[in-house]
Amino acid sequence: YQAIIAFAVIAVLSLLLQKPLSSFGFNTNNWPVAVLSVLIFSAVWFVVQMVASIVVSRVTSLDTTLGYPLTARNFIGNFLFELLLSGTSEEILFRAMTIPLMMMVFQKLIHCESLAWGAAIAVSTLVFTLAHINFNLYPFRITNFNLAQLITCVIFGVYYGLLMKKTGSILGPILAHNLLNGVITFSSLIMTIVL
């Protein structure tokens, strides 16, 4: 639903602002560049994720395994969700909708395109990171605050924003987000099996 609502908002903004959907990143610009970047970043992140998981599990009492019972149905369902839907939905909301709107604002305020991009990427990364803190409104309380996850969100959010800047397309960030979610899930599977 998140992706559908965000895309509907983008479609309305596209009409109101008289800007094509391609200006919100819905295009195939620089697709080969995006794919190569995503593959390299994902391979590097897999190594980082595995090393960090091993170190964290050995040094602390933090759990680096899957957060659910390991059955084929559970793993395949979660893995496919992470690999296909989660990143697609979040990138439409946090990059395709947020960055172009922030660019319109910051280009008028800053008058320097590279600084405007930096500010737009920073805002989208901040919103993306804050969205990964779970809370209840009444009574207000934080129900999930995972520092490692939030640091990962900052790293990934900046990468997704830079990838969108470099390609002008949301497809690279969608591919990266889905693949990196898959890498994280797969590395948790490995830790679950090993531990």
Protein backbone atom coordinates (compact mmCIF):
# COMPACT_ATOMS: atom_id res chain seq x y z
CA TYR A 1 0.00 0.00 0.00
CA GLN A 2 2.87 2.34 0.79
CA ALA A 3 4.16 2.17 -2.79
CA ILE A 4 0.70 2.65 -4.28
CA ILE A 5 -0.01 5.70 -2.11
CA ALA A 6 3.44 7.21 -2.76
CA PHE A 7 3.13 6.63 -6.51
CA ALA A 8 -0.36 8.21 -6.50
CA VAL A 9 1.07 11.28 -4.72
CA ILE A 10 3.90 11.43 -7.28
CA ALA A 11 1.41 11.15 -10.15
CA VAL A 12 -0.66 14.03 -8.73
CA LEU A 13 2.49 16.12 -8.16
CA SER A 14 3.58 15.34 -11.71
CA LEU A 15 0.30 16.76 -13.02
CA LEU A 16 0.22 19.76 -10.69
CA LEU A 17 3.85 20.71 -11.29
CA GLN A 18 3.64 19.84 -14.99
CA LYS A 19 6.70 17.62 -14.71
CA PRO A 20 6.98 14.21 -16.36
CA LEU A 21 7.22 11.09 -14.22
CA SER A 22 10.77 10.70 -15.55
CA SER A 23 11.76 13.77 -13.49
CA PHE A 24 10.79 11.75 -10.40
CA GLY A 25 13.19 9.01 -11.47
CA PHE A 26 10.80 6.76 -13.39
CA ASN A 27 13.10 6.10 -16.33
CA THR A 28 15.91 3.77 -17.36
CA ASN A 29 18.68 6.38 -17.45
CA ASN A 30 22.19 4.97 -17.02
CA TRP A 31 20.86 1.49 -16.25
CA PRO A 32 24.20 -0.31 -16.93
CA VAL A 33 26.01 2.11 -14.59
CA ALA A 34 23.41 1.47 -11.88
CA VAL A 35 23.62 -2.32 -12.21
CA LEU A 36 27.42 -2.35 -12.01
CA SER A 37 27.44 -0.02 -9.00
CA VAL A 38 24.79 -2.08 -7.21
CA LEU A 39 26.59 -5.38 -7.81
CA ILE A 40 29.90 -4.02 -6.51
CA PHE A 41 28.31 -2.32 -3.48
CA SER A 42 26.24 -5.44 -2.65
CA ALA A 43 29.28 -7.73 -2.84
CA VAL A 44 31.26 -5.42 -0.56
CA TRP A 45 28.31 -5.12 1.83
CA PHE A 46 27.92 -8.92 2.01
CA VAL A 47 31.49 -9.17 3.29
CA VAL A 48 30.97 -6.27 5.72
CA GLN A 49 27.68 -7.78 6.93
CA MET A 50 29.20 -11.22 7.52
CA VAL A 51 32.28 -9.88 9.33
CA ALA A 52 30.16 -7.55 11.48
CA SER A 53 27.70 -10.36 12.30
CA ILE A 54 30.50 -12.70 13.35
CA VAL A 55 32.22 -10.03 15.46
CA VAL A 56 28.99 -8.86 17.08
CA SER A 57 27.86 -12.41 17.88
CA ARG A 58 31.26 -13.25 19.44
CA VAL A 59 31.83 -10.02 21.37
CA THR A 60 28.31 -9.11 22.52
CA SER A 61 25.09 -10.82 23.43
CA LEU A 62 23.29 -9.28 20.45
CA ASP A 63 21.47 -11.71 18.19
CA THR A 64 22.56 -11.72 14.53
CA THR A 65 20.35 -14.62 13.51
CA LEU A 66 16.92 -14.59 11.88
CA GLY A 67 14.20 -13.14 14.08
CA TYR A 68 11.79 -15.98 13.39
CA PRO A 69 11.78 -19.79 13.44
CA LEU A 70 13.78 -21.18 10.54
CA THR A 71 11.42 -23.04 8.25
CA ALA A 72 11.50 -23.11 4.47
CA ARG A 73 8.17 -21.27 4.31
CA ASN A 74 9.26 -18.54 6.76
CA PHE A 75 12.60 -17.95 5.10
CA ILE A 76 11.37 -18.04 1.49
CA GLY A 77 8.43 -15.74 2.30
CA ASN A 78 10.62 -13.23 4.12
CA PHE A 79 13.44 -13.44 1.57
CA LEU A 80 11.08 -12.83 -1.38
CA PHE A 81 9.40 -9.95 0.46
CA GLU A 82 12.80 -8.34 1.10
CA LEU A 83 14.09 -9.09 -2.40
CA LEU A 84 11.04 -7.86 -4.33
CA LEU A 85 8.71 -5.61 -2.35
CA SER A 86 10.32 -3.89 0.60
CA GLY A 87 12.95 -1.92 -1.28
CA THR A 88 10.66 -1.15 -4.21
CA SER A 89 8.07 0.39 -1.93
CA GLU A 90 10.54 2.30 0.22
CA GLU A 91 12.46 3.73 -2.74
CA ILE A 92 9.30 5.07 -4.36
CA LEU A 93 8.51 6.83 -1.08
CA PHE A 94 11.92 7.87 0.23
CA ARG A 95 13.79 8.65 -3.00
CA ALA A 96 11.38 9.08 -5.95
CA MET A 97 8.99 11.26 -3.98
CA THR A 98 11.31 12.96 -1.49
CA ILE A 99 14.45 13.85 -3.45
CA PRO A 100 12.81 15.63 -6.43
CA LEU A 101 10.63 17.69 -4.08
CA MET A 102 13.61 18.57 -1.89
CA MET A 103 15.62 19.47 -5.01
CA MET A 104 12.91 21.95 -6.04
CA VAL A 105 13.05 23.57 -2.61
CA PHE A 106 16.83 23.51 -2.10
CA GLN A 107 17.70 24.72 -5.61
CA LYS A 108 15.66 27.86 -4.90
CA LEU A 109 17.22 28.33 -1.46
CA ILE A 110 20.81 27.32 -2.08
CA HIS A 111 21.43 28.16 -5.77
CA CYS A 112 24.17 25.54 -5.97
CA GLU A 113 23.16 22.23 -7.52
CA SER A 114 25.71 20.05 -5.74
CA LEU A 115 24.78 21.54 -2.34
CA ALA A 116 21.08 21.18 -3.17
CA TRP A 117 21.67 17.50 -3.99
CA GLY A 118 23.56 17.03 -0.73
CA ALA A 119 20.73 18.60 1.25
CA ALA A 120 18.05 16.59 -0.60
CA ILE A 121 19.94 13.34 -0.04
CA ALA A 122 20.45 14.25 3.64
CA VAL A 123 16.73 14.91 4.15
CA SER A 124 15.66 11.71 2.38
CA THR A 125 18.23 9.73 4.38
CA LEU A 126 17.06 11.25 7.65
CA VAL A 127 13.41 10.47 6.91
CA PHE A 128 14.35 6.95 5.75
CA THR A 129 16.36 6.33 8.93
CA LEU A 130 13.69 7.70 11.26
CA ALA A 131 11.11 5.48 9.54
CA HIS A 132 13.05 2.48 10.84
CA ILE A 133 12.36 3.40 14.47
CA ASN A 134 9.13 1.75 15.61
CA PHE A 135 6.92 3.46 18.17
CA ASN A 136 3.42 3.60 19.60
CA LEU A 137 1.63 6.91 19.72
CA TYR A 138 -0.60 6.35 22.74
CA PRO A 139 0.95 6.00 25.12
CA PHE A 140 4.06 7.17 23.34
CA ARG A 141 6.89 4.68 23.57
CA ILE A 142 9.61 3.45 21.26
CA THR A 143 9.10 -0.24 20.53
CA ASN A 144 12.16 -0.86 18.35
CA PHE A 145 15.40 1.10 18.31
CA ASN A 146 18.22 -0.88 16.73
CA LEU A 147 21.37 1.24 16.48
CA ALA A 148 23.08 -1.11 14.00
CA GLN A 149 20.01 -0.99 11.76
CA LEU A 150 19.89 2.81 11.93
CA ILE A 151 23.59 3.12 11.03
CA THR A 152 22.96 0.77 8.11
CA CYS A 153 19.98 2.94 7.07
CA VAL A 154 22.20 6.04 7.02
CA ILE A 155 24.86 4.29 4.90
CA PHE A 156 22.30 2.81 2.53
CA GLY A 157 20.21 6.00 2.37
CA VAL A 158 23.22 8.06 1.30
CA TYR A 159 24.19 5.38 -1.25
CA TYR A 160 20.66 5.20 -2.70
CA GLY A 161 20.51 9.00 -2.95
CA LEU A 162 23.92 9.23 -4.64
CA LEU A 163 22.91 6.47 -7.03
CA MET A 164 19.75 8.40 -7.92
CA LYS A 165 21.82 11.55 -8.43
CA LYS A 166 24.32 9.71 -10.64
CA THR A 167 21.71 7.96 -12.80
CA GLY A 168 18.68 10.25 -12.59
CA SER A 169 16.63 7.08 -12.15
CA ILE A 170 14.90 5.37 -9.27
CA LEU A 171 15.52 1.92 -10.78
CA GLY A 172 19.10 1.69 -9.50
CA PRO A 173 18.12 2.53 -5.91
CA ILE A 174 15.22 0.04 -6.13
CA LEU A 175 17.56 -2.70 -7.36
CA ALA A 176 20.14 -1.80 -4.70
CA HIS A 177 17.61 -1.67 -1.87
CA ASN A 178 16.03 -5.00 -2.79
CA LEU A 179 19.37 -6.72 -3.32
CA LEU A 180 20.87 -5.35 -0.10
CA ASN A 181 17.79 -6.41 1.87
CA GLY A 182 18.30 -9.86 0.35
CA VAL A 183 21.99 -9.80 1.35
CA ILE A 184 21.08 -8.93 4.95
CA THR A 185 18.44 -11.67 5.09
CA PHE A 186 20.79 -14.23 3.53
CA SER A 187 23.63 -13.36 5.91
CA SER A 188 21.21 -13.75 8.84
CA LEU A 189 20.32 -17.19 7.45
CA ILE A 190 24.00 -18.12 7.38
CA MET A 191 24.43 -16.92 10.99
CA THR A 192 21.34 -18.89 12.04
CA ILE A 193 22.68 -22.08 10.48
CA VAL A 194 26.23 -21.58 11.82
CA LEU A 195 25.22 -20.58 15.35
